[in-house]
C-alpha atoms as a PDB file:
ATOM      1  CA  UNK A   1       8.124 -58.538  -7.547  1.00  0.00           C
ATOM      2  CA  UNK A   2       9.740 -61.369  -5.573  1.00  0.00           C
ATOM      3  CA  UNK A   3      10.312 -64.898  -6.878  1.00  0.00           C
ATOM      4  CA  UNK A   4       7.403 -66.090  -4.707  1.00  0.00           C
ATOM      5  CA  UNK A   5       5.149 -63.436  -6.270  1.00  0.00           C
ATOM      6  CA  UNK A   6       6.314 -64.506  -9.741  1.00  0.00           C
ATOM      7  CA  UNK A   7       5.505 -68.136  -8.955  1.00  0.00           C
ATOM      8  CA  UNK A   8       2.057 -67.140  -7.658  1.00  0.00           C
ATOM      9  CA  UNK A   9       1.445 -65.213 -10.892  1.00  0.00           C
ATOM     10  CA  UNK A  10       2.431 -68.283 -12.947  1.00  0.00           C
ATOM     11  CA  UNK A  11       0.212 -70.507 -10.789  1.00  0.00           C
ATOM     12  CA  UNK A  12      -2.804 -68.255 -11.292  1.00  0.00           C
ATOM     13  CA  UNK A  13      -2.126 -68.141 -15.040  1.00  0.00           C
ATOM     14  CA  UNK A  14      -2.150 -71.956 -15.331  1.00  0.00           C
ATOM     15  CA  UNK A  15      -4.948 -72.634 -12.841  1.00  0.00           C
ATOM     16  CA  UNK A  16      -2.807 -74.032 -10.017  1.00  0.00           C
ATOM     17  CA  UNK A  17      -3.212 -73.130  -6.354  1.00  0.00           C
ATOM     18  CA  UNK A  18      -1.276 -69.833  -5.921  1.00  0.00           C
ATOM     19  CA  UNK A  19       0.785 -70.863  -2.874  1.00  0.00           C
ATOM     20  CA  UNK A  20       4.116 -69.524  -4.174  1.00  0.00           C
ATOM     21  CA  UNK A  21       5.796 -72.961  -4.146  1.00  0.00           C
ATOM     22  CA  UNK A  22       6.875 -74.310  -7.511  1.00  0.00           C
ATOM     23  CA  UNK A  23       6.377 -78.028  -6.866  1.00  0.00           C
ATOM     24  CA  UNK A  24       5.092 -81.021  -8.818  1.00  0.00           C
ATOM     25  CA  UNK A  25       1.480 -79.771  -9.110  1.00  0.00           C
ATOM     26  CA  UNK A  26       2.547 -76.429 -10.524  1.00  0.00           C
ATOM     27  CA  UNK A  27       4.994 -78.098 -12.918  1.00  0.00           C
ATOM     28  CA  UNK A  28       2.239 -80.388 -14.147  1.00  0.00           C
ATOM     29  CA  UNK A  29      -0.183 -77.458 -14.582  1.00  0.00           C
ATOM     30  CA  UNK A  30       2.436 -75.549 -16.599  1.00  0.00           C
ATOM     31  CA  UNK A  31       3.107 -78.553 -18.831  1.00  0.00           C
ATOM     32  CA  UNK A  32      -0.616 -79.100 -19.390  1.00  0.00           C
ATOM     33  CA  UNK A  33      -1.059 -75.418 -20.275  1.00  0.00           C
ATOM     34  CA  UNK A  34       1.823 -75.537 -22.773  1.00  0.00           C
ATOM     35  CA  UNK A  35       0.400 -78.704 -24.278  1.00  0.00           C
ATOM     36  CA  UNK A  36      -3.063 -77.180 -24.638  1.00  0.00           C
ATOM     37  CA  UNK A  37      -1.526 -74.255 -26.544  1.00  0.00           C
ATOM     38  CA  UNK A  38      -0.204 -76.646 -29.189  1.00  0.00           C
ATOM     39  CA  UNK A  39       3.345 -76.806 -27.902  1.00  0.00           C
ATOM     40  CA  UNK A  40       3.460 -80.576 -27.661  1.00  0.00           C
ATOM     41  CA  UNK A  41       7.096 -80.526 -28.638  1.00  0.00           C
ATOM     42  CA  UNK A  42       7.812 -79.032 -25.236  1.00  0.00           C
ATOM     43  CA  UNK A  43       6.237 -81.953 -23.400  1.00  0.00           C
ATOM     44  CA  UNK A  44       8.941 -84.291 -22.156  1.00  0.00           C
ATOM     45  CA  UNK A  45       8.806 -88.036 -21.608  1.00  0.00           C
ATOM     46  CA  UNK A  46      11.241 -87.685 -18.694  1.00  0.00           C
ATOM     47  CA  UNK A  47       9.048 -85.282 -16.728  1.00  0.00           C
ATOM     48  CA  UNK A  48      10.297 -84.529 -13.189  1.00  0.00           C
ATOM     49  CA  UNK A  49       7.036 -86.058 -11.979  1.00  0.00           C
ATOM     50  CA  UNK A  50       8.168 -89.472 -13.221  1.00  0.00           C
ATOM     51  CA  UNK A  51      10.608 -91.766 -11.446  1.00  0.00           C
ATOM     52  CA  UNK A  52      13.568 -92.580 -13.708  1.00  0.00           C
ATOM     53  CA  UNK A  53      14.691 -96.165 -14.305  1.00  0.00           C
ATOM     54  CA  UNK A  54      17.890 -95.955 -12.224  1.00  0.00           C
ATOM     55  CA  UNK A  55      15.996 -94.552  -9.243  1.00  0.00           C
ATOM     56  CA  UNK A  56      13.246 -97.162  -9.639  1.00  0.00           C
ATOM     57  CA  UNK A  57      15.833 -99.970  -9.716  1.00  0.00           C
ATOM     58  CA  UNK A  58      17.381 -98.723  -6.465  1.00  0.00           C
ATOM     59  CA  UNK A  59      13.984 -98.154  -4.817  1.00  0.00           C
ATOM     60  CA  UNK A  60      13.174-101.791  -5.549  1.00  0.00           C
ATOM     61  CA  UNK A  61      16.151-102.906  -3.412  1.00  0.00           C
ATOM     62  CA  UNK A  62      14.734-101.249  -0.275  1.00  0.00           C
ATOM     63  CA  UNK A  63      12.682-102.774   2.514  1.00  0.00           C
ATOM     64  CA  UNK A  64       9.150-102.965   1.059  1.00  0.00           C
ATOM     65  CA  UNK A  65       7.888-100.997   4.078  1.00  0.00           C
ATOM     66  CA  UNK A  66      10.285 -98.152   3.201  1.00  0.00           C
ATOM     67  CA  UNK A  67       9.498 -97.850  -0.516  1.00  0.00           C
ATOM     68  CA  UNK A  68       6.359 -95.705  -0.351  1.00  0.00           C
ATOM     69  CA  UNK A  69       8.047 -93.113   1.862  1.00  0.00           C
ATOM     70  CA  UNK A  70      11.088 -93.060  -0.391  1.00  0.00           C
ATOM     71  CA  UNK A  71       8.853 -92.658  -3.455  1.00  0.00           C
ATOM     72  CA  UNK A  72       7.266 -89.577  -1.832  1.00  0.00           C
ATOM     73  CA  UNK A  73      10.737 -88.228  -1.097  1.00  0.00           C
ATOM     74  CA  UNK A  74      11.897 -88.906  -4.654  1.00  0.00           C
ATOM     75  CA  UNK A  75       8.954 -87.029  -6.206  1.00  0.00           C
ATOM     76  CA  UNK A  76       9.441 -84.049  -3.881  1.00  0.00           C
ATOM     77  CA  UNK A  77      13.190 -84.219  -4.494  1.00  0.00           C
ATOM     78  CA  UNK A  78      12.835 -84.243  -8.262  1.00  0.00           C
ATOM     79  CA  UNK A  79      10.415 -81.291  -8.160  1.00  0.00           C
ATOM     80  CA  UNK A  80      12.801 -79.383  -5.879  1.00  0.00           C
ATOM     81  CA  UNK A  81      15.846 -80.188  -8.022  1.00  0.00           C
ATOM     82  CA  UNK A  82      13.938 -79.041 -11.106  1.00  0.00           C
ATOM     83  CA  UNK A  83      13.727 -75.543  -9.615  1.00  0.00           C
ATOM     84  CA  UNK A  84      17.561 -75.528  -9.800  1.00  0.00           C
ATOM     85  CA  UNK A  85      17.466 -76.830 -13.379  1.00  0.00           C
ATOM     86  CA  UNK A  86      18.642 -80.246 -12.170  1.00  0.00           C
ATOM     87  CA  UNK A  87      17.487 -83.816 -11.667  1.00  0.00           C
ATOM     88  CA  UNK A  88      17.813 -85.884  -8.478  1.00  0.00           C
ATOM     89  CA  UNK A  89      18.549 -89.572  -9.000  1.00  0.00           C
ATOM     90  CA  UNK A  90      18.832 -92.417  -6.491  1.00  0.00           C
ATOM     91  CA  UNK A  91      22.194 -94.093  -7.108  1.00  0.00           C
ATOM     92  CA  UNK A  92      22.325 -96.520  -4.179  1.00  0.00           C
ATOM     93  CA  UNK A  93      19.799 -98.338  -2.009  1.00  0.00           C
ATOM     94  CA  UNK A  94      20.213-101.569  -0.070  1.00  0.00           C
ATOM     95  CA  UNK A  95      23.755-102.893   0.373  1.00  0.00           C
ATOM     96  CA  UNK A  96      24.909-106.244   1.675  1.00  0.00           C
ATOM     97  CA  UNK A  97      27.215-106.235   4.673  1.00  0.00           C
ATOM     98  CA  UNK A  98      30.057-107.304   2.368  1.00  0.00           C
ATOM     99  CA  UNK A  99      29.406-104.379   0.031  1.00  0.00           C
ATOM    100  CA  UNK A 100      29.374-102.049   3.040  1.00  0.00           C
ATOM    101  CA  UNK A 101      32.686-103.471   4.304  1.00  0.00           C
ATOM    102  CA  UNK A 102      34.253-102.849   0.878  1.00  0.00           C
ATOM    103  CA  UNK A 103      33.119 -99.193   1.005  1.00  0.00           C
ATOM    104  CA  UNK A 104      34.396 -98.893   4.590  1.00  0.00           C
ATOM    105  CA  UNK A 105      37.892 -99.899   3.384  1.00  0.00           C
ATOM    106  CA  UNK A 106      37.971 -97.316   0.548  1.00  0.00           C
ATOM    107  CA  UNK A 107      40.318 -94.359   0.711  1.00  0.00           C
ATOM    108  CA  UNK A 108      39.737 -91.491   0.735  1.00  0.00           C
ATOM    109  CA  UNK A 109      37.185 -92.315   3.390  1.00  0.00           C
ATOM    110  CA  UNK A 110      33.579 -92.381   2.160  1.00  0.00           C
ATOM    111  CA  UNK A 111      31.839 -93.929   5.171  1.00  0.00           C
ATOM    112  CA  UNK A 112      32.319 -94.415   8.900  1.00  0.00           C
ATOM    113  CA  UNK A 113      30.090 -97.511   8.880  1.00  0.00           C
ATOM    114  CA  UNK A 114      31.253-101.078   8.392  1.00  0.00           C
ATOM    115  CA  UNK A 115      28.873-103.914   7.493  1.00  0.00           C
ATOM    116  CA  UNK A 116      25.922-104.153   9.875  1.00  0.00           C
ATOM    117  CA  UNK A 117      26.396-100.558  11.015  1.00  0.00           C
ATOM    118  CA  UNK A 118      24.844 -98.773   8.036  1.00  0.00           C
ATOM    119  CA  UNK A 119      21.159 -98.183   7.424  1.00  0.00           C
ATOM    120  CA  UNK A 120      21.806 -99.201   3.813  1.00  0.00           C
ATOM    121  CA  UNK A 121      22.215-102.753   5.186  1.00  0.00           C
ATOM    122  CA  UNK A 122      18.632-102.672   6.461  1.00  0.00           C
ATOM    123  CA  UNK A 123      17.099-101.243   3.279  1.00  0.00           C
ATOM    124  CA  UNK A 124      16.066 -97.940   4.855  1.00  0.00           C
ATOM    125  CA  UNK A 125      18.687 -95.624   3.337  1.00  0.00           C
ATOM    126  CA  UNK A 126      19.495 -94.241  -0.080  1.00  0.00           C
ATOM    127  CA  UNK A 127      22.188 -92.148  -1.715  1.00  0.00           C
ATOM    128  CA  UNK A 128      21.224 -89.605  -4.362  1.00  0.00           C
ATOM    129  CA  UNK A 129      23.041 -87.668  -7.051  1.00  0.00           C
ATOM    130  CA  UNK A 130      22.328 -84.301  -8.604  1.00  0.00           C
ATOM    131  CA  UNK A 131      22.564 -84.167 -12.390  1.00  0.00           C
ATOM    132  CA  UNK A 132      22.299 -81.342 -14.881  1.00  0.00           C
ATOM    133  CA  UNK A 133      21.908 -83.154 -18.173  1.00  0.00           C
ATOM    134  CA  UNK A 134      24.646 -85.793 -18.076  1.00  0.00           C
ATOM    135  CA  UNK A 135      26.856 -83.769 -15.741  1.00  0.00           C
ATOM    136  CA  UNK A 136      27.202 -85.321 -12.258  1.00  0.00           C
ATOM    137  CA  UNK A 137      27.161 -82.165 -10.134  1.00  0.00           C
ATOM    138  CA  UNK A 138      28.207 -83.846  -6.877  1.00  0.00           C
ATOM    139  CA  UNK A 139      31.665 -83.989  -8.534  1.00  0.00           C
ATOM    140  CA  UNK A 140      31.462 -81.264 -11.204  1.00  0.00           C
ATOM    141  CA  UNK A 141      29.749 -78.571  -9.093  1.00  0.00           C
ATOM    142  CA  UNK A 142      29.612 -79.737  -5.450  1.00  0.00           C
ATOM    143  CA  UNK A 143      28.379 -76.344  -4.212  1.00  0.00           C
ATOM    144  CA  UNK A 144      25.232 -76.493  -6.360  1.00  0.00           C
ATOM    145  CA  UNK A 145      24.736 -80.187  -5.550  1.00  0.00           C
ATOM    146  CA  UNK A 146      24.940 -79.433  -1.811  1.00  0.00           C
ATOM    147  CA  UNK A 147      22.349 -76.648  -2.216  1.00  0.00           C
ATOM    148  CA  UNK A 148      19.979 -79.042  -4.001  1.00  0.00           C
ATOM    149  CA  UNK A 149      20.429 -81.771  -1.365  1.00  0.00           C
ATOM    150  CA  UNK A 150      19.906 -79.205   1.418  1.00  0.00           C
ATOM    151  CA  UNK A 151      16.693 -77.903  -0.178  1.00  0.00           C
ATOM    152  CA  UNK A 152      15.396 -81.473  -0.477  1.00  0.00           C
ATOM    153  CA  UNK A 153      16.372 -82.184   3.138  1.00  0.00           C
ATOM    154  CA  UNK A 154      13.701 -79.676   4.248  1.00  0.00           C
ATOM    155  CA  UNK A 155      11.042 -81.987   2.745  1.00  0.00           C
ATOM    156  CA  UNK A 156      12.862 -85.113   3.940  1.00  0.00           C
ATOM    157  CA  UNK A 157      12.787 -84.084   7.594  1.00  0.00           C
ATOM    158  CA  UNK A 158       9.018 -83.529   7.386  1.00  0.00           C
ATOM    159  CA  UNK A 159       8.640 -87.072   6.017  1.00  0.00           C
ATOM    160  CA  UNK A 160      10.627 -88.581   8.906  1.00  0.00           C
ATOM    161  CA  UNK A 161      14.003 -88.859   7.184  1.00  0.00           C
ATOM    162  CA  UNK A 162      17.443 -88.070   8.514  1.00  0.00           C
ATOM    163  CA  UNK A 163      19.886 -86.289   6.206  1.00  0.00           C
ATOM    164  CA  UNK A 164      23.615 -87.051   6.114  1.00  0.00           C
ATOM    165  CA  UNK A 165      24.325 -83.336   5.648  1.00  0.00           C
ATOM    166  CA  UNK A 166      23.248 -82.810   9.271  1.00  0.00           C
ATOM    167  CA  UNK A 167      25.842 -85.252  10.619  1.00  0.00           C
ATOM    168  CA  UNK A 168      28.697 -83.828  12.688  1.00  0.00           C
ATOM    169  CA  UNK A 169      31.680 -86.078  11.885  1.00  0.00           C
ATOM    170  CA  UNK A 170      31.457 -86.994   8.194  1.00  0.00           C
ATOM    171  CA  UNK A 171      29.023 -84.912   6.162  1.00  0.00           C
ATOM    172  CA  UNK A 172      27.235 -87.087   3.604  1.00  0.00           C
ATOM    173  CA  UNK A 173      25.067 -84.708   1.561  1.00  0.00           C
ATOM    174  CA  UNK A 174      23.723 -87.351  -0.868  1.00  0.00           C
ATOM    175  CA  UNK A 175      22.544 -89.651   1.992  1.00  0.00           C
ATOM    176  CA  UNK A 176      18.947 -89.881   3.261  1.00  0.00           C
ATOM    177  CA  UNK A 177      17.598 -92.514   5.664  1.00  0.00           C
ATOM    178  CA  UNK A 178      14.369 -93.244   7.521  1.00  0.00           C
ATOM    179  CA  UNK A 179      14.612 -92.273  11.184  1.00  0.00           C
ATOM    180  CA  UNK A 180      13.615 -95.168  13.443  1.00  0.00           C
ATOM    181  CA  UNK A 181      14.772 -94.177  16.935  1.00  0.00           C
ATOM    182  CA  UNK A 182      16.465 -97.588  17.232  1.00  0.00           C
ATOM    183  CA  UNK A 183      20.114 -98.269  18.015  1.00  0.00           C
ATOM    184  CA  UNK A 184      22.231-100.182  15.520  1.00  0.00           C
ATOM    185  CA  UNK A 185      22.262-103.166  17.910  1.00  0.00           C
ATOM    186  CA  UNK A 186      18.451-103.149  18.018  1.00  0.00           C
ATOM    187  CA  UNK A 187      18.311-102.887  14.220  1.00  0.00           C
ATOM    188  CA  UNK A 188      20.696-105.818  13.725  1.00  0.00           C
ATOM    189  CA  UNK A 189      18.615-107.936  16.133  1.00  0.00           C
ATOM    190  CA  UNK A 190      15.294-107.037  14.458  1.00  0.00           C
ATOM    191  CA  UNK A 191      16.733-107.572  10.988  1.00  0.00           C
ATOM    192  CA  UNK A 192      18.059-110.992  11.969  1.00  0.00           C
ATOM    193  CA  UNK A 193      14.743-111.990  13.582  1.00  0.00           C
ATOM    194  CA  UNK A 194      12.229-110.701  11.040  1.00  0.00           C
ATOM    195  CA  UNK A 195      14.125-109.276   8.063  1.00  0.00           C
ATOM    196  CA  UNK A 196      12.969-105.701   8.698  1.00  0.00           C
ATOM    197  CA  UNK A 197      13.674-102.880  11.134  1.00  0.00           C
ATOM    198  CA  UNK A 198      10.386-101.127  10.357  1.00  0.00           C
END
Protein backbone atom coordinates (compact mmCIF):
# COMPACT_ATOMS: atom_id res chain seq x y z
CA UNK A 1 0.00 0.00 0.00
CA UNK A 2 1.09 3.59 -0.65
CA UNK A 3 0.95 6.42 1.90
CA UNK A 4 -2.09 7.83 0.06
CA UNK A 5 -3.83 4.44 0.34
CA UNK A 6 -2.96 4.31 4.05
CA UNK A 7 -4.43 7.77 4.57
CA UNK A 8 -7.60 6.77 2.70
CA UNK A 9 -7.90 3.69 4.93
CA UNK A 10 -7.56 5.88 8.05
CA UNK A 11 -10.12 8.34 6.66
CA UNK A 12 -12.66 5.59 6.03
CA UNK A 13 -12.05 4.19 9.52
CA UNK A 14 -12.81 7.56 11.18
CA UNK A 15 -15.63 8.64 8.87
CA UNK A 16 -13.74 11.33 6.96
CA UNK A 17 -13.89 11.82 3.20
CA UNK A 18 -11.35 9.31 1.77
CA UNK A 19 -9.46 11.74 -0.49
CA UNK A 20 -5.96 10.60 0.53
CA UNK A 21 -4.97 14.02 1.91
CA UNK A 22 -4.24 14.17 5.62
CA UNK A 23 -5.43 17.72 6.33
CA UNK A 24 -7.30 19.49 9.12
CA UNK A 25 -10.61 17.63 8.60
CA UNK A 26 -8.95 14.24 8.79
CA UNK A 27 -6.92 15.27 11.84
CA UNK A 28 -10.09 16.43 13.56
CA UNK A 29 -11.91 13.18 12.68
CA UNK A 30 -9.02 11.13 14.08
CA UNK A 31 -8.98 13.14 17.31
CA UNK A 32 -12.75 12.80 17.69
CA UNK A 33 -12.50 9.04 17.13
CA UNK A 34 -9.75 8.69 19.75
CA UNK A 35 -11.78 10.77 22.17
CA UNK A 36 -14.90 8.66 21.63
CA UNK A 37 -12.87 5.54 22.47
CA UNK A 38 -12.08 6.95 25.91
CA UNK A 39 -8.61 8.18 25.10
CA UNK A 40 -9.21 11.73 26.26
CA UNK A 41 -5.65 11.93 27.48
CA UNK A 42 -4.59 11.97 23.85
CA UNK A 43 -6.66 15.05 23.07
CA UNK A 44 -4.42 18.11 23.02
CA UNK A 45 -5.26 21.70 23.87
CA UNK A 46 -2.74 22.89 21.26
CA UNK A 47 -4.40 21.07 18.36
CA UNK A 48 -2.95 21.93 14.92
CA UNK A 49 -6.42 23.22 14.06
CA UNK A 50 -5.99 26.06 16.56
CA UNK A 51 -3.99 29.23 15.98
CA UNK A 52 -1.29 29.62 18.64
CA UNK A 53 -0.89 32.85 20.61
CA UNK A 54 2.34 33.98 18.89
CA UNK A 55 0.81 33.51 15.45
CA UNK A 56 -2.40 35.27 16.52
CA UNK A 57 -0.40 38.24 17.85
CA UNK A 58 1.43 38.58 14.52
CA UNK A 59 -1.76 38.11 12.48
CA UNK A 60 -3.27 41.01 14.41
CA UNK A 61 -0.52 43.34 13.11
CA UNK A 62 -1.52 42.76 9.47
CA UNK A 63 -3.77 44.85 7.26
CA UNK A 64 -7.30 43.88 8.35
CA UNK A 65 -8.10 43.01 4.72
CA UNK A 66 -5.23 40.50 4.71
CA UNK A 67 -6.02 38.69 7.98
CA UNK A 68 -8.69 36.27 6.75
CA UNK A 69 -6.49 35.02 3.91
CA UNK A 70 -3.54 34.64 6.25
CA UNK A 71 -5.72 32.75 8.74
CA UNK A 72 -6.66 30.28 5.97
CA UNK A 73 -2.98 29.92 5.11
CA UNK A 74 -2.04 29.39 8.76
CA UNK A 75 -4.60 26.60 9.24
CA UNK A 76 -3.51 24.84 6.05
CA UNK A 77 0.13 25.40 7.02
CA UNK A 78 -0.30 23.95 10.48
CA UNK A 79 -2.11 20.89 9.09
CA UNK A 80 0.64 20.41 6.50
CA UNK A 81 3.43 20.85 9.05
CA UNK A 82 1.71 18.33 11.32
CA UNK A 83 2.21 15.66 8.64
CA UNK A 84 5.97 16.23 9.15
CA UNK A 85 5.55 16.06 12.93
CA UNK A 86 6.08 19.82 13.17
CA UNK A 87 4.27 23.07 13.90
CA UNK A 88 4.26 26.20 11.73
CA UNK A 89 4.27 29.49 13.63
CA UNK A 90 4.06 33.08 12.37
CA UNK A 91 7.02 34.94 13.86
CA UNK A 92 6.75 38.28 12.05
CA UNK A 93 3.97 40.32 10.47
CA UNK A 94 3.80 44.06 9.89
CA UNK A 95 7.03 46.03 10.29
CA UNK A 96 7.55 49.77 10.41
CA UNK A 97 9.87 51.28 7.84
CA UNK A 98 12.41 51.87 10.63
CA UNK A 99 12.28 48.22 11.66
CA UNK A 100 12.76 47.22 8.02
CA UNK A 101 15.76 49.55 7.67
CA UNK A 102 17.35 47.96 10.76
CA UNK A 103 16.94 44.49 9.20
CA UNK A 104 18.32 45.78 5.89
CA UNK A 105 21.54 46.83 7.69
CA UNK A 106 22.05 43.43 9.38
CA UNK A 107 24.92 41.19 8.36
CA UNK A 108 24.90 38.49 7.24
CA UNK A 109 22.29 39.81 4.85
CA UNK A 110 18.71 38.79 5.69
CA UNK A 111 16.77 41.04 3.30
CA UNK A 112 17.23 42.97 0.07
CA UNK A 113 14.45 45.40 1.02
CA UNK A 114 14.90 48.67 2.88
CA UNK A 115 12.00 50.51 4.53
CA UNK A 116 9.11 51.12 2.14
CA UNK A 117 10.29 48.36 -0.18
CA UNK A 118 9.04 45.35 1.78
CA UNK A 119 5.53 43.95 1.80
CA UNK A 120 5.89 43.63 5.58
CA UNK A 121 5.64 47.45 5.64
CA UNK A 122 2.17 47.25 4.10
CA UNK A 123 0.87 44.50 6.39
CA UNK A 124 0.52 41.90 3.63
CA UNK A 125 3.50 39.67 4.43
CA UNK A 126 4.49 37.26 7.16
CA UNK A 127 7.50 35.20 8.16
CA UNK A 128 6.98 31.72 9.59
CA UNK A 129 9.08 29.25 11.54
CA UNK A 130 8.99 25.48 11.68
CA UNK A 131 9.17 23.97 15.16
CA UNK A 132 9.40 20.42 16.41
CA UNK A 133 8.60 20.77 20.09
CA UNK A 134 10.79 23.67 21.21
CA UNK A 135 13.39 23.08 18.51
CA UNK A 136 13.51 25.86 15.88
CA UNK A 137 14.11 23.78 12.76
CA UNK A 138 14.89 26.71 10.45
CA UNK A 139 18.22 26.80 12.35
CA UNK A 140 18.48 23.28 13.81
CA UNK A 141 17.36 21.33 10.72
CA UNK A 142 17.08 23.74 7.75
CA UNK A 143 16.54 20.91 5.26
CA UNK A 144 13.38 19.70 7.01
CA UNK A 145 12.21 23.29 7.57
CA UNK A 146 12.63 24.04 3.85
CA UNK A 147 10.61 20.91 2.97
CA UNK A 148 7.79 22.02 5.28
CA UNK A 149 7.76 25.57 3.88
CA UNK A 150 7.80 24.19 0.32
CA UNK A 151 4.86 21.86 1.03
CA UNK A 152 2.90 24.78 2.49
CA UNK A 153 3.80 26.96 -0.51
CA UNK A 154 1.68 24.64 -2.70
CA UNK A 155 -1.40 25.73 -0.70
CA UNK A 156 -0.19 29.33 -0.50
CA UNK A 157 0.01 29.76 -4.27
CA UNK A 158 -3.59 28.53 -4.62
CA UNK A 159 -4.67 31.18 -2.09
CA UNK A 160 -2.94 33.98 -4.04
CA UNK A 161 0.28 34.16 -2.03
CA UNK A 162 3.84 34.52 -3.24
CA UNK A 163 6.53 32.45 -1.53
CA UNK A 164 10.04 33.74 -0.83
CA UNK A 165 11.43 30.30 -1.69
CA UNK A 166 10.55 31.00 -5.34
CA UNK A 167 12.66 34.17 -5.46
CA UNK A 168 15.78 34.13 -7.64
CA UNK A 169 18.26 36.39 -5.80
CA UNK A 170 17.79 35.80 -2.07
CA UNK A 171 15.75 32.72 -1.17
CA UNK A 172 13.53 33.44 1.84
CA UNK A 173 11.81 30.14 2.66
CA UNK A 174 9.94 31.40 5.76
CA UNK A 175 8.40 34.37 3.84
CA UNK A 176 4.86 34.45 2.42
CA UNK A 177 3.08 37.52 1.04
CA UNK A 178 -0.19 38.34 -0.71
CA UNK A 179 0.31 38.87 -4.44
CA UNK A 180 -1.18 42.19 -5.56
CA UNK A 181 0.22 42.80 -9.05
CA UNK A 182 1.24 46.30 -7.93
CA UNK A 183 4.70 47.84 -8.07
CA UNK A 184 6.36 49.00 -4.87
CA UNK A 185 5.87 52.62 -5.99
CA UNK A 186 2.14 52.00 -6.44
CA UNK A 187 1.97 50.31 -3.03
CA UNK A 188 3.74 53.20 -1.29
CA UNK A 189 1.35 55.68 -2.93
CA UNK A 190 -1.77 53.67 -2.01
CA UNK A 191 -0.54 53.10 1.53
CA UNK A 192 0.13 56.81 1.99
CA UNK A 193 -3.28 57.76 0.56
CA UNK A 194 -5.55 55.20 2.21
CA UNK A 195 -3.48 53.11 4.62
CA UNK A 196 -3.92 49.89 2.62
CA UNK A 197 -2.64 48.36 -0.60
CA UNK A 198 -5.55 45.91 -0.82
